[in-house]
Amino acid sequence: MNEVVVVVTGAEPLHPRALSSLPATAIVLAADGALDHALAAGLQPAGLVGDLDSVSDAGLRWAEAHSTIDRHSPDKDRTDTELALAMAIDFSPARLILIAGGGDRLDHTLAAIGALGNISLTSVPMIDGWWGEQQFHVLQGPGRRTLELPVGTTISLLALHGTATGVSISGVQWPLIDTELAPVVGLGISNVTTTEQVAITVLSGVLTIFITTESGS
């Protein structure tokens, strides 16, 4: 399976839990200054993209010797994250993983996670992410995802990109069946798994599924 990891800039180093989950054979791409976090974590990105205003001189020298560099003007209309995701699509991934070390800018956090709901990513069967130690998945409709989780795991469904229809979830304390979720409402928040297998479907729209385990709470 062709898997691509996109590392985006955060204020903190990449979390060990997130790093341990990454496939060893995945293609790694970095958005601008995220290259420095990737290298510090032992990753070796095959591509670097962005306006390169935040990558270190040492990181840029490394990239010039080891990576493909796609440099853009600072006056660009897309964020570095969006540019990195566009680069990832060129690899036709079966799975895409966004990873960041967490951030101190709420607008950057929302924009980065929001970029995973772009229509250009509908061709990717599986979209996952880590923001610090917070794990999440993105499901574009019509779609279905089955997750293997320990019983007692907290799971939240949020429609961050507009209304999501036909939302169902089973294997949890409060199941939903063919439900409409309005943007950023609490109906899908803080459910709890009652079985080790949780099935989630959405007919239209985009669901972001947040997973919180005891060690990540």
N, C-alpha and C. Protein backbone atom coordinates (compact mmCIF):
# COMPACT_ATOMS: atom_id res chain seq x y z
N MET A 1 0.85 -1.19 0.00
CA MET A 1 0.00 0.00 0.00
C MET A 1 0.89 1.24 0.00
N ASN A 2 0.62 2.15 -0.92
CA ASN A 2 1.38 3.39 -1.01
C ASN A 2 0.91 4.36 0.08
N GLU A 3 1.79 4.68 1.02
CA GLU A 3 1.44 5.55 2.13
C GLU A 3 2.35 6.77 2.14
N VAL A 4 1.75 7.94 2.41
CA VAL A 4 2.51 9.19 2.42
C VAL A 4 2.28 9.89 3.75
N VAL A 5 3.37 10.32 4.37
CA VAL A 5 3.32 11.10 5.61
C VAL A 5 3.67 12.55 5.28
N VAL A 6 2.83 13.47 5.71
CA VAL A 6 3.08 14.90 5.52
C VAL A 6 3.33 15.51 6.89
N VAL A 7 4.54 16.02 7.10
CA VAL A 7 4.91 16.65 8.36
C VAL A 7 4.70 18.16 8.20
N VAL A 8 3.91 18.74 9.11
CA VAL A 8 3.64 20.17 9.04
C VAL A 8 4.17 20.85 10.29
N THR A 9 4.40 22.14 10.19
CA THR A 9 5.06 22.88 11.25
C THR A 9 4.17 23.00 12.49
N GLY A 10 4.75 22.66 13.63
CA GLY A 10 4.12 22.88 14.93
C GLY A 10 5.12 23.51 15.85
N ALA A 11 4.65 23.96 17.01
CA ALA A 11 5.54 24.65 17.94
C ALA A 11 6.38 23.69 18.76
N GLU A 12 6.01 22.39 18.74
CA GLU A 12 6.69 21.41 19.58
C GLU A 12 7.25 20.28 18.72
N PRO A 13 8.18 19.50 19.28
CA PRO A 13 8.69 18.33 18.55
C PRO A 13 7.59 17.32 18.28
N LEU A 14 7.80 16.46 17.30
CA LEU A 14 6.84 15.41 16.99
C LEU A 14 6.73 14.45 18.17
N HIS A 15 5.50 14.07 18.50
CA HIS A 15 5.27 13.26 19.70
C HIS A 15 5.67 11.80 19.46
N PRO A 16 6.29 11.15 20.46
CA PRO A 16 6.70 9.74 20.29
C PRO A 16 5.55 8.81 19.92
N ARG A 17 4.35 9.04 20.45
CA ARG A 17 3.21 8.18 20.11
C ARG A 17 2.89 8.27 18.62
N ALA A 18 2.93 9.48 18.11
CA ALA A 18 2.66 9.67 16.69
C ALA A 18 3.75 9.03 15.84
N LEU A 19 4.99 9.24 16.23
CA LEU A 19 6.11 8.69 15.46
C LEU A 19 6.07 7.16 15.43
N SER A 20 5.71 6.55 16.55
CA SER A 20 5.69 5.09 16.61
C SER A 20 4.61 4.48 15.74
N SER A 21 3.62 5.29 15.35
CA SER A 21 2.52 4.78 14.53
C SER A 21 2.80 4.86 13.04
N LEU A 22 3.86 5.56 12.64
CA LEU A 22 4.10 5.79 11.22
C LEU A 22 4.63 4.54 10.54
N PRO A 23 4.13 4.22 9.35
CA PRO A 23 4.64 3.07 8.61
C PRO A 23 6.11 3.26 8.22
N ALA A 24 6.91 2.24 8.40
CA ALA A 24 8.35 2.36 8.14
C ALA A 24 8.64 2.63 6.67
N THR A 25 7.75 2.19 5.78
CA THR A 25 8.00 2.32 4.34
C THR A 25 7.32 3.53 3.72
N ALA A 26 6.71 4.38 4.53
CA ALA A 26 5.96 5.52 3.98
C ALA A 26 6.89 6.56 3.37
N ILE A 27 6.40 7.23 2.34
CA ILE A 27 7.08 8.39 1.77
C ILE A 27 6.81 9.58 2.68
N VAL A 28 7.87 10.30 3.07
CA VAL A 28 7.72 11.43 3.99
C VAL A 28 7.96 12.74 3.25
N LEU A 29 7.04 13.68 3.43
CA LEU A 29 7.15 15.02 2.86
C LEU A 29 7.08 16.03 4.00
N ALA A 30 7.75 17.16 3.84
CA ALA A 30 7.77 18.18 4.88
C ALA A 30 7.33 19.52 4.33
N ALA A 31 6.53 20.24 5.12
CA ALA A 31 6.10 21.58 4.77
C ALA A 31 6.99 22.59 5.49
N ASP A 32 7.86 23.25 4.73
CA ASP A 32 8.70 24.33 5.24
C ASP A 32 9.45 23.93 6.51
N GLY A 33 9.28 24.70 7.61
CA GLY A 33 10.03 24.47 8.83
C GLY A 33 9.78 23.14 9.50
N ALA A 34 8.74 22.43 9.07
CA ALA A 34 8.50 21.09 9.60
C ALA A 34 9.65 20.15 9.28
N LEU A 35 10.44 20.50 8.28
CA LEU A 35 11.60 19.68 7.94
C LEU A 35 12.52 19.53 9.15
N ASP A 36 12.73 20.59 9.90
CA ASP A 36 13.62 20.53 11.06
C ASP A 36 13.08 19.58 12.12
N HIS A 37 11.75 19.62 12.36
CA HIS A 37 11.15 18.69 13.31
C HIS A 37 11.26 17.26 12.81
N ALA A 38 11.07 17.07 11.51
CA ALA A 38 11.16 15.73 10.93
C ALA A 38 12.57 15.15 11.10
N LEU A 39 13.57 15.96 10.77
CA LEU A 39 14.95 15.49 10.89
C LEU A 39 15.31 15.22 12.35
N ALA A 40 14.85 16.05 13.26
CA ALA A 40 15.13 15.84 14.68
C ALA A 40 14.51 14.56 15.20
N ALA A 41 13.42 14.13 14.56
CA ALA A 41 12.73 12.90 14.96
C ALA A 41 13.28 11.66 14.26
N GLY A 42 14.27 11.86 13.39
CA GLY A 42 14.85 10.72 12.70
C GLY A 42 14.22 10.41 11.36
N LEU A 43 13.29 11.25 10.90
CA LEU A 43 12.67 11.05 9.60
C LEU A 43 13.54 11.71 8.52
N GLN A 44 13.44 11.20 7.31
CA GLN A 44 14.21 11.74 6.19
C GLN A 44 13.26 12.05 5.04
N PRO A 45 12.69 13.24 5.02
CA PRO A 45 11.71 13.60 3.99
C PRO A 45 12.29 13.52 2.58
N ALA A 46 11.48 12.96 1.68
CA ALA A 46 11.88 12.89 0.27
C ALA A 46 11.55 14.17 -0.46
N GLY A 47 10.68 15.00 0.15
CA GLY A 47 10.29 16.26 -0.49
C GLY A 47 10.12 17.36 0.52
N LEU A 48 10.47 18.58 0.13
CA LEU A 48 10.29 19.78 0.94
C LEU A 48 9.53 20.79 0.10
N VAL A 49 8.47 21.38 0.67
CA VAL A 49 7.64 22.30 -0.10
C VAL A 49 7.25 23.48 0.76
N GLY A 50 7.08 24.65 0.15
CA GLY A 50 6.65 25.84 0.85
C GLY A 50 7.43 27.06 0.41
N ASP A 51 7.22 28.17 1.11
CA ASP A 51 7.99 29.37 0.76
C ASP A 51 9.35 29.37 1.45
N LEU A 52 9.57 28.38 2.34
CA LEU A 52 10.86 28.15 2.99
C LEU A 52 11.34 29.34 3.81
N ASP A 53 10.40 30.02 4.45
CA ASP A 53 10.76 31.15 5.29
C ASP A 53 11.01 30.75 6.74
N SER A 54 10.72 29.49 7.08
CA SER A 54 10.90 29.07 8.47
C SER A 54 11.84 27.88 8.64
N VAL A 55 12.24 27.24 7.55
CA VAL A 55 13.19 26.14 7.67
C VAL A 55 14.57 26.71 8.01
N SER A 56 15.33 25.97 8.81
CA SER A 56 16.66 26.44 9.20
C SER A 56 17.63 26.33 8.03
N ASP A 57 18.74 27.06 8.12
CA ASP A 57 19.77 26.98 7.09
C ASP A 57 20.33 25.56 7.00
N ALA A 58 20.52 24.93 8.17
CA ALA A 58 21.05 23.57 8.18
C ALA A 58 20.05 22.60 7.54
N GLY A 59 18.77 22.80 7.85
CA GLY A 59 17.75 21.94 7.25
C GLY A 59 17.68 22.10 5.75
N LEU A 60 17.79 23.34 5.29
CA LEU A 60 17.73 23.59 3.86
C LEU A 60 18.94 22.97 3.15
N ARG A 61 20.10 23.05 3.77
CA ARG A 61 21.28 22.41 3.17
C ARG A 61 21.09 20.90 3.08
N TRP A 62 20.48 20.32 4.12
CA TRP A 62 20.21 18.87 4.08
C TRP A 62 19.26 18.55 2.93
N ALA A 63 18.21 19.35 2.80
CA ALA A 63 17.21 19.11 1.75
C ALA A 63 17.82 19.24 0.36
N GLU A 64 18.70 20.21 0.20
CA GLU A 64 19.33 20.39 -1.11
C GLU A 64 20.14 19.17 -1.52
N ALA A 65 20.63 18.43 -0.53
CA ALA A 65 21.44 17.24 -0.82
C ALA A 65 20.62 15.95 -0.89
N HIS A 66 19.42 15.94 -0.26
CA HIS A 66 18.71 14.67 -0.11
C HIS A 66 17.26 14.68 -0.57
N SER A 67 16.68 15.82 -0.86
CA SER A 67 15.24 15.89 -1.14
C SER A 67 14.94 16.64 -2.43
N THR A 68 13.73 16.45 -2.90
CA THR A 68 13.19 17.29 -3.96
C THR A 68 12.59 18.54 -3.30
N ILE A 69 12.97 19.72 -3.79
CA ILE A 69 12.50 20.97 -3.20
C ILE A 69 11.55 21.67 -4.15
N ASP A 70 10.37 22.02 -3.64
CA ASP A 70 9.38 22.76 -4.41
C ASP A 70 9.15 24.09 -3.70
N ARG A 71 9.87 25.12 -4.15
CA ARG A 71 9.85 26.42 -3.47
C ARG A 71 8.81 27.35 -4.09
N HIS A 72 8.07 28.05 -3.23
CA HIS A 72 7.01 28.95 -3.68
C HIS A 72 7.26 30.36 -3.16
N SER A 73 6.66 31.31 -3.83
CA SER A 73 6.76 32.71 -3.41
C SER A 73 6.02 32.91 -2.09
N PRO A 74 6.51 33.78 -1.21
CA PRO A 74 5.78 34.11 0.02
C PRO A 74 4.41 34.71 -0.25
N ASP A 75 4.17 35.19 -1.47
CA ASP A 75 2.88 35.79 -1.82
C ASP A 75 1.87 34.75 -2.32
N LYS A 76 2.13 33.49 -2.04
CA LYS A 76 1.26 32.39 -2.50
C LYS A 76 -0.13 32.49 -1.88
N ASP A 77 -1.12 31.88 -2.53
CA ASP A 77 -2.50 31.88 -2.04
C ASP A 77 -2.79 30.69 -1.14
N ARG A 78 -1.95 29.65 -1.17
CA ARG A 78 -2.18 28.45 -0.37
C ARG A 78 -1.16 28.36 0.77
N THR A 79 -1.56 27.74 1.87
CA THR A 79 -0.65 27.53 2.98
C THR A 79 0.38 26.47 2.61
N ASP A 80 1.46 26.42 3.39
CA ASP A 80 2.47 25.40 3.14
C ASP A 80 1.88 24.00 3.32
N THR A 81 0.95 23.86 4.26
CA THR A 81 0.29 22.56 4.45
C THR A 81 -0.48 22.16 3.20
N GLU A 82 -1.23 23.09 2.64
CA GLU A 82 -1.99 22.79 1.43
C GLU A 82 -1.06 22.42 0.27
N LEU A 83 0.07 23.10 0.17
CA LEU A 83 1.03 22.77 -0.88
C LEU A 83 1.63 21.39 -0.67
N ALA A 84 1.90 21.03 0.58
CA ALA A 84 2.45 19.72 0.88
C ALA A 84 1.44 18.62 0.58
N LEU A 85 0.17 18.87 0.87
CA LEU A 85 -0.87 17.88 0.56
C LEU A 85 -1.02 17.71 -0.94
N ALA A 86 -0.89 18.81 -1.69
CA ALA A 86 -0.94 18.71 -3.15
C ALA A 86 0.22 17.88 -3.67
N MET A 87 1.39 18.03 -3.08
CA MET A 87 2.53 17.20 -3.46
C MET A 87 2.27 15.74 -3.14
N ALA A 88 1.63 15.50 -2.00
CA ALA A 88 1.33 14.12 -1.60
C ALA A 88 0.40 13.44 -2.60
N ILE A 89 -0.58 14.18 -3.11
CA ILE A 89 -1.54 13.61 -4.06
C ILE A 89 -0.84 13.09 -5.30
N ASP A 90 0.29 13.70 -5.68
CA ASP A 90 1.02 13.25 -6.86
C ASP A 90 1.52 11.81 -6.73
N PHE A 91 1.60 11.31 -5.49
CA PHE A 91 2.04 9.93 -5.26
C PHE A 91 0.87 8.95 -5.26
N SER A 92 -0.35 9.43 -5.49
CA SER A 92 -1.56 8.59 -5.50
C SER A 92 -1.61 7.67 -4.28
N PRO A 93 -1.57 8.25 -3.07
CA PRO A 93 -1.49 7.40 -1.88
C PRO A 93 -2.79 6.67 -1.58
N ALA A 94 -2.65 5.47 -1.06
CA ALA A 94 -3.81 4.75 -0.52
C ALA A 94 -4.08 5.20 0.90
N ARG A 95 -3.07 5.78 1.53
CA ARG A 95 -3.23 6.31 2.89
C ARG A 95 -2.38 7.56 3.02
N LEU A 96 -2.96 8.58 3.64
CA LEU A 96 -2.27 9.85 3.86
C LEU A 96 -2.30 10.15 5.35
N ILE A 97 -1.14 10.50 5.91
CA ILE A 97 -1.04 10.78 7.34
C ILE A 97 -0.44 12.17 7.53
N LEU A 98 -1.18 13.05 8.18
CA LEU A 98 -0.69 14.37 8.53
C LEU A 98 -0.18 14.31 9.96
N ILE A 99 1.02 14.86 10.22
CA ILE A 99 1.56 14.83 11.57
C ILE A 99 2.19 16.17 11.90
N ALA A 100 1.91 16.66 13.10
CA ALA A 100 2.49 17.91 13.59
C ALA A 100 2.81 17.75 15.05
N GLY A 101 3.73 18.54 15.54
CA GLY A 101 4.11 18.47 16.94
C GLY A 101 3.21 19.26 17.87
N GLY A 102 2.08 19.69 17.38
CA GLY A 102 1.22 20.57 18.17
C GLY A 102 1.56 22.01 17.85
N GLY A 103 0.66 22.91 18.12
CA GLY A 103 0.90 24.29 17.71
C GLY A 103 0.45 25.30 18.74
N ASP A 104 1.00 26.51 18.65
CA ASP A 104 0.59 27.59 19.54
C ASP A 104 -0.29 28.60 18.81
N ARG A 105 -0.67 28.30 17.56
CA ARG A 105 -1.55 29.17 16.78
C ARG A 105 -2.81 28.39 16.43
N LEU A 106 -3.93 28.79 17.01
CA LEU A 106 -5.18 28.08 16.76
C LEU A 106 -5.59 28.17 15.30
N ASP A 107 -5.33 29.31 14.66
CA ASP A 107 -5.70 29.46 13.26
C ASP A 107 -4.92 28.48 12.39
N HIS A 108 -3.63 28.30 12.69
CA HIS A 108 -2.83 27.34 11.92
C HIS A 108 -3.33 25.91 12.14
N THR A 109 -3.69 25.59 13.38
CA THR A 109 -4.20 24.25 13.68
C THR A 109 -5.47 23.96 12.88
N LEU A 110 -6.42 24.90 12.94
CA LEU A 110 -7.69 24.70 12.24
C LEU A 110 -7.49 24.62 10.73
N ALA A 111 -6.61 25.46 10.20
CA ALA A 111 -6.38 25.46 8.75
C ALA A 111 -5.72 24.17 8.30
N ALA A 112 -4.79 23.65 9.10
CA ALA A 112 -4.09 22.42 8.72
C ALA A 112 -5.03 21.22 8.74
N ILE A 113 -5.79 21.07 9.82
CA ILE A 113 -6.75 19.95 9.88
C ILE A 113 -7.85 20.16 8.85
N GLY A 114 -8.26 21.41 8.67
CA GLY A 114 -9.30 21.70 7.68
C GLY A 114 -8.89 21.36 6.27
N ALA A 115 -7.59 21.49 5.98
CA ALA A 115 -7.11 21.19 4.63
C ALA A 115 -7.33 19.74 4.24
N LEU A 116 -7.47 18.87 5.23
CA LEU A 116 -7.69 17.45 4.94
C LEU A 116 -9.09 17.16 4.42
N GLY A 117 -9.97 18.14 4.49
CA GLY A 117 -11.31 17.97 3.95
C GLY A 117 -11.47 18.49 2.54
N ASN A 118 -10.35 18.93 1.94
CA ASN A 118 -10.42 19.47 0.59
C ASN A 118 -10.89 18.43 -0.41
N ILE A 119 -11.65 18.86 -1.39
CA ILE A 119 -12.20 17.94 -2.38
C ILE A 119 -11.11 17.20 -3.16
N SER A 120 -9.93 17.80 -3.24
CA SER A 120 -8.83 17.15 -3.98
C SER A 120 -8.37 15.87 -3.31
N LEU A 121 -8.75 15.65 -2.04
CA LEU A 121 -8.32 14.46 -1.32
C LEU A 121 -9.35 13.34 -1.33
N THR A 122 -10.43 13.53 -2.08
CA THR A 122 -11.45 12.49 -2.12
C THR A 122 -10.94 11.20 -2.76
N SER A 123 -9.84 11.29 -3.49
CA SER A 123 -9.28 10.09 -4.12
C SER A 123 -8.47 9.25 -3.15
N VAL A 124 -8.20 9.78 -1.96
CA VAL A 124 -7.39 9.05 -0.97
C VAL A 124 -8.32 8.21 -0.08
N PRO A 125 -8.19 6.89 -0.11
CA PRO A 125 -9.11 6.04 0.65
C PRO A 125 -9.04 6.22 2.16
N MET A 126 -7.85 6.53 2.69
CA MET A 126 -7.68 6.59 4.13
C MET A 126 -6.85 7.83 4.50
N ILE A 127 -7.42 8.68 5.37
CA ILE A 127 -6.75 9.90 5.80
C ILE A 127 -6.69 9.92 7.32
N ASP A 128 -5.46 9.96 7.86
CA ASP A 128 -5.26 9.95 9.30
C ASP A 128 -4.43 11.16 9.70
N GLY A 129 -4.35 11.43 11.01
CA GLY A 129 -3.54 12.55 11.45
C GLY A 129 -3.18 12.47 12.92
N TRP A 130 -2.12 13.20 13.25
CA TRP A 130 -1.70 13.40 14.64
C TRP A 130 -1.38 14.87 14.83
N TRP A 131 -1.96 15.47 15.88
CA TRP A 131 -1.61 16.83 16.25
C TRP A 131 -1.10 16.75 17.68
N GLY A 132 0.22 16.79 17.84
CA GLY A 132 0.79 16.44 19.13
C GLY A 132 0.54 14.97 19.38
N GLU A 133 -0.09 14.65 20.51
CA GLU A 133 -0.44 13.26 20.78
C GLU A 133 -1.93 12.99 20.54
N GLN A 134 -2.63 13.94 19.94
CA GLN A 134 -4.05 13.75 19.61
C GLN A 134 -4.19 13.10 18.24
N GLN A 135 -4.78 11.93 18.22
CA GLN A 135 -4.98 11.20 16.97
C GLN A 135 -6.35 11.53 16.39
N PHE A 136 -6.41 11.64 15.08
CA PHE A 136 -7.69 11.87 14.42
C PHE A 136 -7.70 11.21 13.04
N HIS A 137 -8.90 11.05 12.51
CA HIS A 137 -9.10 10.49 11.18
C HIS A 137 -10.09 11.39 10.44
N VAL A 138 -9.97 11.45 9.14
CA VAL A 138 -10.88 12.25 8.32
C VAL A 138 -11.59 11.32 7.35
N LEU A 139 -12.92 11.40 7.34
CA LEU A 139 -13.73 10.54 6.49
C LEU A 139 -14.60 11.41 5.59
N GLN A 140 -14.36 11.34 4.30
CA GLN A 140 -15.16 12.10 3.34
C GLN A 140 -16.29 11.24 2.81
N GLY A 141 -17.49 11.83 2.70
CA GLY A 141 -18.64 11.08 2.25
C GLY A 141 -18.75 11.02 0.73
N PRO A 142 -19.36 9.95 0.22
CA PRO A 142 -19.83 8.80 1.00
C PRO A 142 -18.67 7.90 1.39
N GLY A 143 -18.61 7.55 2.66
CA GLY A 143 -17.49 6.75 3.11
C GLY A 143 -17.81 5.96 4.37
N ARG A 144 -16.98 4.96 4.62
CA ARG A 144 -17.13 4.11 5.81
C ARG A 144 -15.75 3.82 6.37
N ARG A 145 -15.62 3.82 7.66
CA ARG A 145 -14.34 3.51 8.32
C ARG A 145 -14.60 2.62 9.53
N THR A 146 -13.85 1.56 9.66
CA THR A 146 -13.91 0.69 10.83
C THR A 146 -12.61 0.85 11.61
N LEU A 147 -12.73 1.15 12.90
CA LEU A 147 -11.56 1.38 13.74
C LEU A 147 -11.48 0.31 14.82
N GLU A 148 -10.28 -0.17 15.08
CA GLU A 148 -10.03 -1.11 16.17
C GLU A 148 -9.51 -0.30 17.35
N LEU A 149 -10.30 -0.25 18.43
CA LEU A 149 -9.97 0.59 19.58
C LEU A 149 -10.23 -0.16 20.88
N PRO A 150 -9.48 0.12 21.93
CA PRO A 150 -9.77 -0.49 23.23
C PRO A 150 -11.14 -0.05 23.74
N VAL A 151 -11.82 -0.94 24.42
CA VAL A 151 -13.09 -0.59 25.04
C VAL A 151 -12.83 0.53 26.05
N GLY A 152 -13.70 1.53 26.06
CA GLY A 152 -13.54 2.66 26.96
C GLY A 152 -12.83 3.85 26.35
N THR A 153 -12.47 3.74 25.06
CA THR A 153 -11.82 4.85 24.37
C THR A 153 -12.83 5.96 24.10
N THR A 154 -12.44 7.20 24.31
CA THR A 154 -13.30 8.34 23.99
C THR A 154 -13.16 8.67 22.51
N ILE A 155 -14.28 8.80 21.82
CA ILE A 155 -14.28 9.08 20.39
C ILE A 155 -15.28 10.20 20.11
N SER A 156 -14.87 11.17 19.31
CA SER A 156 -15.73 12.31 18.99
C SER A 156 -15.83 12.48 17.48
N LEU A 157 -17.02 12.78 17.01
CA LEU A 157 -17.25 13.07 15.60
C LEU A 157 -17.61 14.54 15.45
N LEU A 158 -16.87 15.24 14.58
CA LEU A 158 -17.15 16.65 14.34
C LEU A 158 -17.26 16.91 12.84
N ALA A 159 -18.25 17.69 12.45
CA ALA A 159 -18.38 18.13 11.07
C ALA A 159 -17.72 19.51 10.98
N LEU A 160 -16.45 19.52 10.65
CA LEU A 160 -15.68 20.77 10.64
C LEU A 160 -15.77 21.51 9.32
N HIS A 161 -16.32 20.87 8.30
CA HIS A 161 -16.27 21.44 6.95
C HIS A 161 -17.66 21.75 6.40
N GLY A 162 -18.64 21.85 7.28
CA GLY A 162 -20.02 22.03 6.84
C GLY A 162 -20.85 20.85 7.29
N THR A 163 -22.12 20.88 7.01
CA THR A 163 -23.04 19.83 7.45
C THR A 163 -22.65 18.47 6.88
N ALA A 164 -22.71 17.45 7.72
CA ALA A 164 -22.48 16.06 7.30
C ALA A 164 -23.79 15.30 7.49
N THR A 165 -24.19 14.56 6.47
CA THR A 165 -25.45 13.82 6.53
C THR A 165 -25.20 12.32 6.51
N GLY A 166 -26.21 11.58 6.97
CA GLY A 166 -26.11 10.12 6.96
C GLY A 166 -25.01 9.62 7.87
N VAL A 167 -24.83 10.27 9.00
CA VAL A 167 -23.76 9.88 9.93
C VAL A 167 -24.25 8.78 10.86
N SER A 168 -23.51 7.69 10.90
CA SER A 168 -23.84 6.58 11.79
C SER A 168 -22.57 6.11 12.49
N ILE A 169 -22.71 5.68 13.73
CA ILE A 169 -21.60 5.09 14.47
C ILE A 169 -22.14 3.99 15.37
N SER A 170 -21.49 2.83 15.34
CA SER A 170 -21.89 1.70 16.18
C SER A 170 -20.69 1.23 16.98
N GLY A 171 -20.98 0.45 18.03
CA GLY A 171 -19.91 0.00 18.91
C GLY A 171 -19.57 1.01 19.98
N VAL A 172 -20.51 1.93 20.25
CA VAL A 172 -20.29 2.99 21.23
C VAL A 172 -21.49 3.08 22.18
N GLN A 173 -21.30 3.81 23.26
CA GLN A 173 -22.35 3.93 24.27
C GLN A 173 -23.59 4.64 23.73
N TRP A 174 -23.36 5.63 22.86
CA TRP A 174 -24.48 6.39 22.30
C TRP A 174 -24.41 6.32 20.77
N PRO A 175 -24.99 5.27 20.18
CA PRO A 175 -24.93 5.12 18.71
C PRO A 175 -25.68 6.24 18.01
N LEU A 176 -25.23 6.52 16.80
CA LEU A 176 -25.95 7.42 15.90
C LEU A 176 -26.37 6.63 14.68
N ILE A 177 -27.57 6.90 14.17
CA ILE A 177 -28.06 6.20 13.00
C ILE A 177 -28.60 7.22 12.01
N ASP A 178 -27.96 7.31 10.85
CA ASP A 178 -28.41 8.19 9.76
C ASP A 178 -28.72 9.60 10.28
N THR A 179 -27.76 10.15 11.00
CA THR A 179 -27.93 11.44 11.67
C THR A 179 -27.31 12.57 10.84
N GLU A 180 -27.88 13.74 10.93
CA GLU A 180 -27.28 14.92 10.32
C GLU A 180 -26.54 15.71 11.38
N LEU A 181 -25.25 15.96 11.12
CA LEU A 181 -24.45 16.75 12.04
C LEU A 181 -24.24 18.14 11.44
N ALA A 182 -24.70 19.17 12.12
CA ALA A 182 -24.44 20.54 11.70
C ALA A 182 -22.98 20.86 12.01
N PRO A 183 -22.43 21.90 11.39
CA PRO A 183 -21.03 22.24 11.61
C PRO A 183 -20.71 22.53 13.08
N VAL A 184 -19.71 21.84 13.58
CA VAL A 184 -19.14 22.07 14.91
C VAL A 184 -20.20 22.13 16.01
N VAL A 185 -21.04 21.07 16.06
CA VAL A 185 -22.00 20.94 17.15
C VAL A 185 -21.57 19.79 18.07
N GLY A 186 -22.16 19.74 19.26
CA GLY A 186 -21.70 18.79 20.26
C GLY A 186 -22.31 17.42 20.22
N LEU A 187 -23.24 17.16 19.30
CA LEU A 187 -23.94 15.87 19.29
C LEU A 187 -23.00 14.68 19.21
N GLY A 188 -21.92 14.82 18.45
CA GLY A 188 -21.02 13.68 18.26
C GLY A 188 -19.83 13.66 19.20
N ILE A 189 -19.81 14.55 20.19
CA ILE A 189 -18.65 14.71 21.06
C ILE A 189 -18.66 13.70 22.21
N SER A 190 -17.48 13.21 22.57
CA SER A 190 -17.24 12.44 23.80
C SER A 190 -18.12 11.20 23.92
N ASN A 191 -18.17 10.43 22.85
CA ASN A 191 -18.77 9.11 22.93
C ASN A 191 -17.74 8.15 23.51
N VAL A 192 -18.16 6.94 23.87
CA VAL A 192 -17.25 5.97 24.50
C VAL A 192 -17.45 4.62 23.83
N THR A 193 -16.36 3.98 23.45
CA THR A 193 -16.46 2.68 22.79
C THR A 193 -16.88 1.60 23.78
N THR A 194 -17.77 0.71 23.33
CA THR A 194 -18.22 -0.42 24.14
C THR A 194 -17.78 -1.75 23.54
N THR A 195 -17.25 -1.72 22.32
CA THR A 195 -16.67 -2.89 21.68
C THR A 195 -15.32 -2.49 21.10
N GLU A 196 -14.52 -3.47 20.73
CA GLU A 196 -13.20 -3.16 20.19
C GLU A 196 -13.24 -2.74 18.73
N GLN A 197 -14.40 -2.90 18.09
CA GLN A 197 -14.54 -2.50 16.69
C GLN A 197 -15.66 -1.47 16.58
N VAL A 198 -15.30 -0.32 16.02
CA VAL A 198 -16.25 0.78 15.87
C VAL A 198 -16.42 1.07 14.39
N ALA A 199 -17.66 1.10 13.92
CA ALA A 199 -17.95 1.37 12.51
C ALA A 199 -18.57 2.75 12.37
N ILE A 200 -18.06 3.52 11.43
CA ILE A 200 -18.52 4.90 11.22
C ILE A 200 -18.81 5.09 9.74
N THR A 201 -19.94 5.69 9.42
CA THR A 201 -20.28 5.98 8.03
C THR A 201 -20.76 7.42 7.92
N VAL A 202 -20.57 7.98 6.73
CA VAL A 202 -21.10 9.31 6.42
C VAL A 202 -21.53 9.28 4.96
N LEU A 203 -22.71 9.81 4.69
CA LEU A 203 -23.25 9.81 3.34
C LEU A 203 -22.70 10.99 2.54
N SER A 204 -22.75 12.18 3.11
CA SER A 204 -22.21 13.36 2.43
C SER A 204 -21.58 14.27 3.45
N GLY A 205 -20.62 15.07 2.98
CA GLY A 205 -19.89 15.95 3.87
C GLY A 205 -18.61 15.29 4.35
N VAL A 206 -18.00 15.90 5.35
CA VAL A 206 -16.72 15.43 5.87
C VAL A 206 -16.80 15.30 7.38
N LEU A 207 -16.37 14.14 7.89
CA LEU A 207 -16.30 13.92 9.33
C LEU A 207 -14.84 13.92 9.77
N THR A 208 -14.56 14.58 10.89
CA THR A 208 -13.27 14.44 11.53
C THR A 208 -13.50 13.67 12.83
N ILE A 209 -12.77 12.57 12.97
CA ILE A 209 -12.98 11.64 14.07
C ILE A 209 -11.78 11.76 15.01
N PHE A 210 -12.01 12.22 16.23
CA PHE A 210 -10.95 12.40 17.20
C PHE A 210 -10.94 11.24 18.20
N ILE A 211 -9.76 10.68 18.42
CA ILE A 211 -9.60 9.55 19.31
C ILE A 211 -8.80 10.01 20.54
N THR A 212 -9.33 9.75 21.74
CA THR A 212 -8.63 10.10 22.96
C THR A 212 -8.49 8.86 23.83
N THR A 213 -7.26 8.41 24.03
CA THR A 213 -7.00 7.28 24.93
C THR A 213 -6.52 7.84 26.25
N GLU A 214 -6.40 6.96 27.26
CA GLU A 214 -6.05 7.41 28.62
C GLU A 214 -4.72 8.14 28.62
N SER A 215 -3.73 7.60 27.86
CA SER A 215 -2.41 8.23 27.85
C SER A 215 -2.40 9.54 27.10
N GLY A 216 -3.44 9.75 26.22
CA GLY A 216 -3.48 10.98 25.43
C GLY A 216 -4.47 11.98 25.93
N SER A 217 -5.10 11.69 27.10
CA SER A 217 -6.12 12.60 27.60
C SER A 217 -5.54 13.69 28.46
